[in-house]
Amino acid sequence: MEKASTNPARIPVDSIQPHKPFHFINPFTDVGFKRIFGQEVNKDLLMDFLNELLAGEERIEDLRFMDKEQLPDNEQEQGIIYDIFCRTEDGRHLIIEMQNDSQTYFRNRSLFYACRGIVKQGRRGRDWRYALDAVYCINFCNFALTGKLRSDFLLMDRETNEIFTDRIRLIYIEFPFFTKTEQECGTELEQWIYILKNMETLEKMPFKNEKYLFEKLEETASVEAMTEEERERYEASLKAYRDYYACLEYREEKGRREGENEERMKIARAMKSKGFSAEEIAGITGLPIEEAGQL
């Protein structure tokens, strides 16, 4: 990842108690996310989430998982490995990404991923007429990107707001902006988002009486249901998740301290220019008196 976010809305690593034997996996880990949504045996979970996300538009009746690794066409291009890449029965390409922290060019990256899905449909020969299937890039964001829970982007006319083409679409779900309690969840999409955001700290799976698939989600997300090998891979993924956030928090704290020190030095120099003594500067700014005397 290129640049750490200092956004305080991110789910902090301190909220994870490493010594507590959680019943459910953390869906923001690589293994956890793909266990829930990236397996053929669980494609009904993915389809259900997507159908709630796209409710009122169209319904996905079936999908198949595609090769996540997209090799470059030549040595100058960069390959791509999607988190999840699948195709619906009516031909739509779905790129599903989970991102825990912002990057400098994250928006560009998701656009690049979607555009690669378009370009890869090109066919040689004179008979091909640019008949493109739609590509949706759906991003689970554990950080603030646009400033709201859901953002949905299409190419449209700037003046009339008419859709120019529906062949490319970018959807972002920003979990820090979901603040509803279990009792406040009024739609099945809200139930999904609530479960995913709070899964690792849940003592039991909510909403099972309202949606039977949540019983399957409960079993899928149960740490106890994992084999020893699956548990080892998950623990390694969870460690990487925790270590990453620990490093981010260290850098953020270091940056904060450096910023405070720079501000003290700025004040101290201003006081020095006004004729304050080293003792007075040290007393007000907190700098060591030796350092204040050397300004």
Protein backbone atom coordinates (compact mmCIF):
# COMPACT_ATOMS: atom_id res chain seq x y z
CA MET A 1 0.00 0.00 0.00
CA GLU A 2 1.34 3.39 -1.01
CA LYS A 3 0.25 5.75 1.72
CA ALA A 4 -1.28 5.30 5.15
CA SER A 5 -4.47 7.11 6.00
CA THR A 6 -4.77 9.09 9.20
CA ASN A 7 -8.54 8.89 9.10
CA PRO A 8 -9.78 8.33 12.68
CA ALA A 9 -12.97 6.65 11.41
CA ARG A 10 -11.02 3.52 10.43
CA ILE A 11 -11.79 0.48 12.58
CA PRO A 12 -8.79 0.63 14.95
CA VAL A 13 -6.56 -2.29 15.72
CA ASP A 14 -7.02 -1.52 19.44
CA SER A 15 -10.62 -2.69 19.11
CA ILE A 16 -9.25 -6.18 18.48
CA GLN A 17 -8.36 -8.05 21.66
CA PRO A 18 -5.65 -10.48 20.56
CA HIS A 19 -6.05 -12.79 23.54
CA LYS A 20 -9.84 -13.17 23.29
CA PRO A 21 -10.93 -16.38 21.51
CA PHE A 22 -13.32 -14.79 19.02
CA HIS A 23 -16.07 -17.02 17.73
CA PHE A 24 -16.23 -15.41 14.28
CA ILE A 25 -13.50 -14.55 11.83
CA ASN A 26 -12.44 -11.04 10.91
CA PRO A 27 -13.89 -10.42 7.41
CA PHE A 28 -11.39 -7.62 6.77
CA THR A 29 -8.50 -10.05 6.68
CA ASP A 30 -7.58 -11.50 3.30
CA VAL A 31 -8.41 -15.07 4.33
CA GLY A 32 -11.60 -14.05 6.13
CA PHE A 33 -12.96 -12.03 3.22
CA LYS A 34 -12.27 -14.74 0.65
CA ARG A 35 -13.62 -17.48 2.94
CA ILE A 36 -16.99 -15.73 3.09
CA PHE A 37 -17.28 -14.44 -0.47
CA GLY A 38 -14.60 -16.09 -2.60
CA GLN A 39 -15.46 -19.79 -2.52
CA GLU A 40 -17.63 -21.71 -4.96
CA VAL A 41 -19.37 -23.43 -2.05
CA ASN A 42 -20.39 -20.00 -0.69
CA LYS A 43 -21.34 -18.25 -3.90
CA ASP A 44 -24.92 -18.03 -2.66
CA LEU A 45 -23.66 -15.70 0.10
CA LEU A 46 -21.95 -13.49 -2.46
CA MET A 47 -24.99 -13.48 -4.75
CA ASP A 48 -27.27 -12.56 -1.87
CA PHE A 49 -25.08 -9.62 -0.84
CA LEU A 50 -24.81 -8.41 -4.43
CA ASN A 51 -28.56 -8.71 -4.99
CA GLU A 52 -29.21 -6.61 -1.91
CA LEU A 53 -26.60 -4.10 -3.10
CA LEU A 54 -28.28 -3.89 -6.52
CA ALA A 55 -31.85 -4.24 -5.26
CA GLY A 56 -34.44 -2.67 -7.56
CA GLU A 57 -32.18 -2.87 -10.61
CA GLU A 58 -31.61 -6.45 -11.65
CA ARG A 59 -31.13 -9.81 -10.01
CA ILE A 60 -28.19 -12.19 -10.22
CA GLU A 61 -29.44 -15.75 -10.56
CA ASP A 62 -26.05 -17.41 -10.89
CA LEU A 63 -22.36 -16.59 -11.25
CA ARG A 64 -19.08 -18.37 -11.74
CA PHE A 65 -15.69 -17.50 -10.35
CA MET A 66 -13.03 -16.53 -12.88
CA ASP A 67 -9.24 -16.56 -12.75
CA LYS A 68 -8.27 -13.73 -10.37
CA GLU A 69 -4.86 -13.25 -11.99
CA GLN A 70 -4.97 -11.11 -15.11
CA LEU A 71 -1.65 -11.44 -16.92
CA PRO A 72 -0.29 -8.49 -18.92
CA ASP A 73 -0.41 -8.57 -22.72
CA ASN A 74 3.22 -7.48 -22.97
CA GLU A 75 6.29 -6.85 -20.81
CA GLN A 76 5.54 -3.14 -20.47
CA GLU A 77 2.12 -3.68 -18.87
CA GLN A 78 1.39 -4.58 -15.26
CA GLY A 79 -0.52 -7.69 -14.28
CA ILE A 80 -3.45 -7.65 -11.85
CA ILE A 81 -4.58 -10.02 -9.14
CA TYR A 82 -8.15 -9.28 -8.07
CA ASP A 83 -9.46 -10.29 -4.65
CA ILE A 84 -12.53 -11.84 -6.30
CA PHE A 85 -13.38 -11.93 -10.00
CA CYS A 86 -16.60 -13.49 -11.25
CA ARG A 87 -19.07 -13.40 -14.12
CA THR A 88 -22.85 -13.48 -13.89
CA GLU A 89 -25.04 -15.69 -16.03
CA ASP A 90 -26.04 -12.66 -18.13
CA GLY A 91 -22.42 -11.71 -18.84
CA ARG A 92 -21.57 -8.99 -16.33
CA HIS A 93 -18.02 -9.02 -14.96
CA LEU A 94 -17.79 -8.40 -11.21
CA ILE A 95 -14.52 -7.32 -9.61
CA ILE A 96 -14.85 -7.36 -5.82
CA GLU A 97 -12.09 -5.80 -3.73
CA MET A 98 -11.54 -5.44 0.00
CA GLN A 99 -9.29 -2.55 1.07
CA ASN A 100 -8.39 -1.81 4.67
CA ASP A 101 -6.67 1.54 4.27
CA SER A 102 -6.46 4.30 1.72
CA GLN A 103 -3.76 4.67 -0.90
CA THR A 104 -2.64 7.81 -2.68
CA TYR A 105 -4.09 6.57 -5.97
CA PHE A 106 -6.77 4.17 -4.72
CA ARG A 107 -9.49 5.71 -6.91
CA ASN A 108 -7.22 5.41 -9.92
CA ARG A 109 -6.48 1.80 -9.02
CA SER A 110 -10.13 0.78 -8.90
CA LEU A 111 -10.70 2.60 -12.20
CA PHE A 112 -7.70 0.80 -13.69
CA TYR A 113 -9.07 -2.54 -12.52
CA ALA A 114 -12.44 -1.84 -14.10
CA CYS A 115 -10.90 -0.59 -17.34
CA ARG A 116 -8.70 -3.69 -17.57
CA GLY A 117 -11.90 -5.73 -17.36
CA ILE A 118 -13.16 -3.80 -20.38
CA VAL A 119 -9.95 -3.99 -22.40
CA LYS A 120 -9.54 -7.73 -21.82
CA GLN A 121 -12.80 -8.31 -23.71
CA GLY A 122 -11.21 -7.16 -26.98
CA ARG A 123 -11.17 -9.70 -29.79
CA ARG A 124 -9.05 -9.90 -32.87
CA GLY A 125 -10.65 -10.00 -36.28
CA ARG A 126 -12.95 -7.86 -38.36
CA ASP A 127 -16.12 -9.47 -37.04
CA TRP A 128 -15.80 -8.03 -33.53
CA ARG A 129 -17.95 -4.91 -33.12
CA TYR A 130 -16.97 -3.75 -29.62
CA ALA A 131 -19.78 -5.71 -28.00
CA LEU A 132 -18.78 -5.20 -24.39
CA ASP A 133 -20.16 -6.82 -21.26
CA ALA A 134 -20.64 -4.54 -18.26
CA VAL A 135 -17.84 -4.43 -15.67
CA TYR A 136 -18.67 -3.59 -12.07
CA CYS A 137 -15.84 -2.87 -9.61
CA ILE A 138 -17.30 -3.22 -6.10
CA ASN A 139 -15.03 -2.02 -3.30
CA PHE A 140 -15.37 -2.81 0.41
CA CYS A 141 -13.55 0.10 2.08
CA ASN A 142 -12.57 0.00 5.76
CA PHE A 143 -11.77 3.73 5.61
CA ALA A 144 -13.30 7.01 4.46
CA LEU A 145 -12.97 7.68 0.73
CA THR A 146 -15.87 9.81 -0.51
CA GLY A 147 -17.37 10.70 2.88
CA LYS A 148 -20.52 8.55 2.83
CA LEU A 149 -21.57 4.94 3.23
CA ARG A 150 -22.23 4.18 -0.44
CA SER A 151 -21.01 5.83 -3.62
CA ASP A 152 -22.03 4.66 -7.09
CA PHE A 153 -20.34 6.00 -10.22
CA LEU A 154 -21.28 5.70 -13.88
CA LEU A 155 -20.29 7.61 -17.02
CA MET A 156 -22.95 10.22 -17.66
CA ASP A 157 -23.55 13.52 -19.38
CA ARG A 158 -22.42 16.32 -17.08
CA GLU A 159 -25.20 18.68 -18.18
CA THR A 160 -28.22 16.37 -18.40
CA ASN A 161 -27.11 13.58 -15.99
CA GLU A 162 -28.16 11.06 -18.60
CA ILE A 163 -26.15 7.84 -18.49
CA PHE A 164 -23.77 7.69 -21.43
CA THR A 165 -22.91 4.02 -20.95
CA ASP A 166 -23.56 1.43 -18.28
CA ARG A 167 -20.64 -0.74 -19.36
CA ILE A 168 -18.41 0.44 -16.50
CA ARG A 169 -19.49 1.06 -12.91
CA LEU A 170 -17.63 1.75 -9.65
CA ILE A 171 -19.32 1.10 -6.30
CA TYR A 172 -17.76 1.87 -2.91
CA ILE A 173 -19.07 0.75 0.49
CA GLU A 174 -17.32 2.72 3.25
CA PHE A 175 -17.82 0.86 6.53
CA PRO A 176 -16.81 3.67 8.93
CA PHE A 177 -19.94 5.57 7.87
CA PHE A 178 -22.28 2.77 8.92
CA THR A 179 -23.31 3.62 12.48
CA LYS A 180 -26.63 1.82 12.92
CA THR A 181 -27.24 -0.59 15.76
CA GLU A 182 -28.62 -4.08 15.25
CA GLN A 183 -32.13 -2.87 16.12
CA GLU A 184 -31.90 0.03 13.64
CA CYS A 185 -31.11 -2.11 10.59
CA GLY A 186 -34.19 -1.79 8.38
CA THR A 187 -33.06 -3.51 5.17
CA GLU A 188 -31.26 -6.74 4.38
CA LEU A 189 -28.32 -4.78 2.96
CA GLU A 190 -28.00 -2.94 6.27
CA GLN A 191 -28.09 -6.29 8.05
CA TRP A 192 -25.24 -7.54 5.85
CA ILE A 193 -23.15 -4.43 6.48
CA TYR A 194 -23.84 -4.54 10.21
CA ILE A 195 -22.71 -8.18 10.42
CA LEU A 196 -19.56 -7.62 8.37
CA LYS A 197 -18.54 -4.53 10.32
CA ASN A 198 -19.12 -6.15 13.71
CA MET A 199 -18.55 -9.82 12.93
CA GLU A 200 -15.39 -10.42 14.92
CA THR A 201 -16.95 -9.10 18.14
CA LEU A 202 -20.37 -10.74 17.76
CA GLU A 203 -21.29 -13.43 20.27
CA LYS A 204 -23.96 -14.84 17.96
CA MET A 205 -25.09 -14.27 14.40
CA PRO A 206 -28.00 -11.80 14.30
CA PHE A 207 -30.94 -11.74 11.88
CA LYS A 208 -30.99 -15.53 11.40
CA ASN A 209 -34.74 -15.57 11.94
CA GLU A 210 -35.17 -13.07 9.09
CA LYS A 211 -32.76 -14.57 6.53
CA TYR A 212 -31.94 -18.26 6.41
CA LEU A 213 -28.62 -17.64 4.62
CA PHE A 214 -27.29 -16.03 7.77
CA GLU A 215 -27.33 -19.50 9.33
CA LYS A 216 -24.89 -20.57 6.61
CA LEU A 217 -22.89 -17.39 7.18
CA GLU A 218 -22.69 -18.27 10.87
CA GLU A 219 -21.19 -21.65 10.07
CA THR A 220 -18.87 -20.28 7.38
CA ALA A 221 -17.54 -17.51 9.62
CA SER A 222 -17.12 -19.70 12.69
CA VAL A 223 -13.50 -20.11 13.73
CA GLU A 224 -14.37 -23.43 15.34
CA ALA A 225 -15.65 -24.76 12.01
CA MET A 226 -12.23 -24.37 10.39
CA THR A 227 -9.87 -27.25 9.80
CA GLU A 228 -6.44 -27.02 11.43
CA GLU A 229 -4.90 -25.97 8.12
CA GLU A 230 -7.57 -23.32 7.52
CA ARG A 231 -7.11 -22.04 11.05
CA GLU A 232 -3.36 -21.67 10.54
CA ARG A 233 -3.85 -19.70 7.31
CA TYR A 234 -6.44 -17.50 8.98
CA GLU A 235 -4.22 -16.83 12.01
CA ALA A 236 -1.38 -15.82 9.68
CA SER A 237 -3.72 -13.48 7.80
CA LEU A 238 -5.03 -12.03 11.07
CA LYS A 239 -1.47 -11.44 12.29
CA ALA A 240 -0.63 -9.60 9.07
CA TYR A 241 -3.79 -7.48 9.53
CA ARG A 242 -2.89 -6.59 13.12
CA ASP A 243 0.77 -5.95 12.34
CA TYR A 244 -0.20 -3.65 9.49
CA TYR A 245 -2.44 -1.53 11.71
CA ALA A 246 0.12 -1.53 14.53
CA CYS A 247 2.67 -0.07 12.08
CA LEU A 248 0.16 2.51 10.86
CA GLU A 249 -0.66 3.61 14.39
CA TYR A 250 3.05 3.85 15.26
CA ARG A 251 3.70 6.05 12.23
CA GLU A 252 0.67 8.20 13.00
CA GLU A 253 1.76 8.67 16.61
CA LYS A 254 5.33 9.43 15.53
CA GLY A 255 4.05 11.97 13.01
CA ARG A 256 1.88 13.57 15.68
CA ARG A 257 4.82 13.90 18.10
CA GLU A 258 7.06 15.32 15.37
CA GLY A 259 4.37 17.84 14.48
CA GLU A 260 4.02 18.93 18.09
CA ASN A 261 7.78 19.31 18.44
CA GLU A 262 7.96 21.38 15.25
CA GLU A 263 5.24 23.67 16.62
CA ARG A 264 7.14 24.09 19.91
CA MET A 265 10.29 25.01 18.00
CA LYS A 266 8.35 27.56 15.95
CA ILE A 267 7.01 29.19 19.11
CA ALA A 268 10.43 29.07 20.76
CA ARG A 269 12.11 30.83 17.84
CA ALA A 270 9.42 33.51 17.85
CA MET A 271 9.95 34.04 21.59
CA LYS A 272 13.73 34.21 21.07
CA SER A 273 13.27 36.92 18.44
CA LYS A 274 11.19 38.92 20.96
CA GLY A 275 13.94 38.80 23.55
CA PHE A 276 12.65 36.10 25.89
CA SER A 277 15.30 34.37 27.97
CA ALA A 278 16.17 30.68 27.62
CA GLU A 279 14.53 30.01 30.99
CA GLU A 280 11.30 31.69 29.89
CA ILE A 281 11.27 29.85 26.56
CA ALA A 282 11.88 26.50 28.27
CA GLY A 283 9.17 27.17 30.83
CA ILE A 284 6.52 28.00 28.24
CA THR A 285 7.37 25.54 25.44
CA GLY A 286 8.61 22.60 27.50
CA LEU A 287 11.92 22.48 25.62
CA PRO A 288 15.06 21.57 27.61
CA ILE A 289 16.73 24.76 28.78
CA GLU A 290 19.97 23.77 26.99
CA GLU A 291 18.07 23.45 23.68
CA ALA A 292 16.27 26.74 24.27
CA GLY A 293 19.60 28.43 24.89
CA GLN A 294 21.00 27.21 21.57
CA LEU A 295 18.26 28.75 19.42
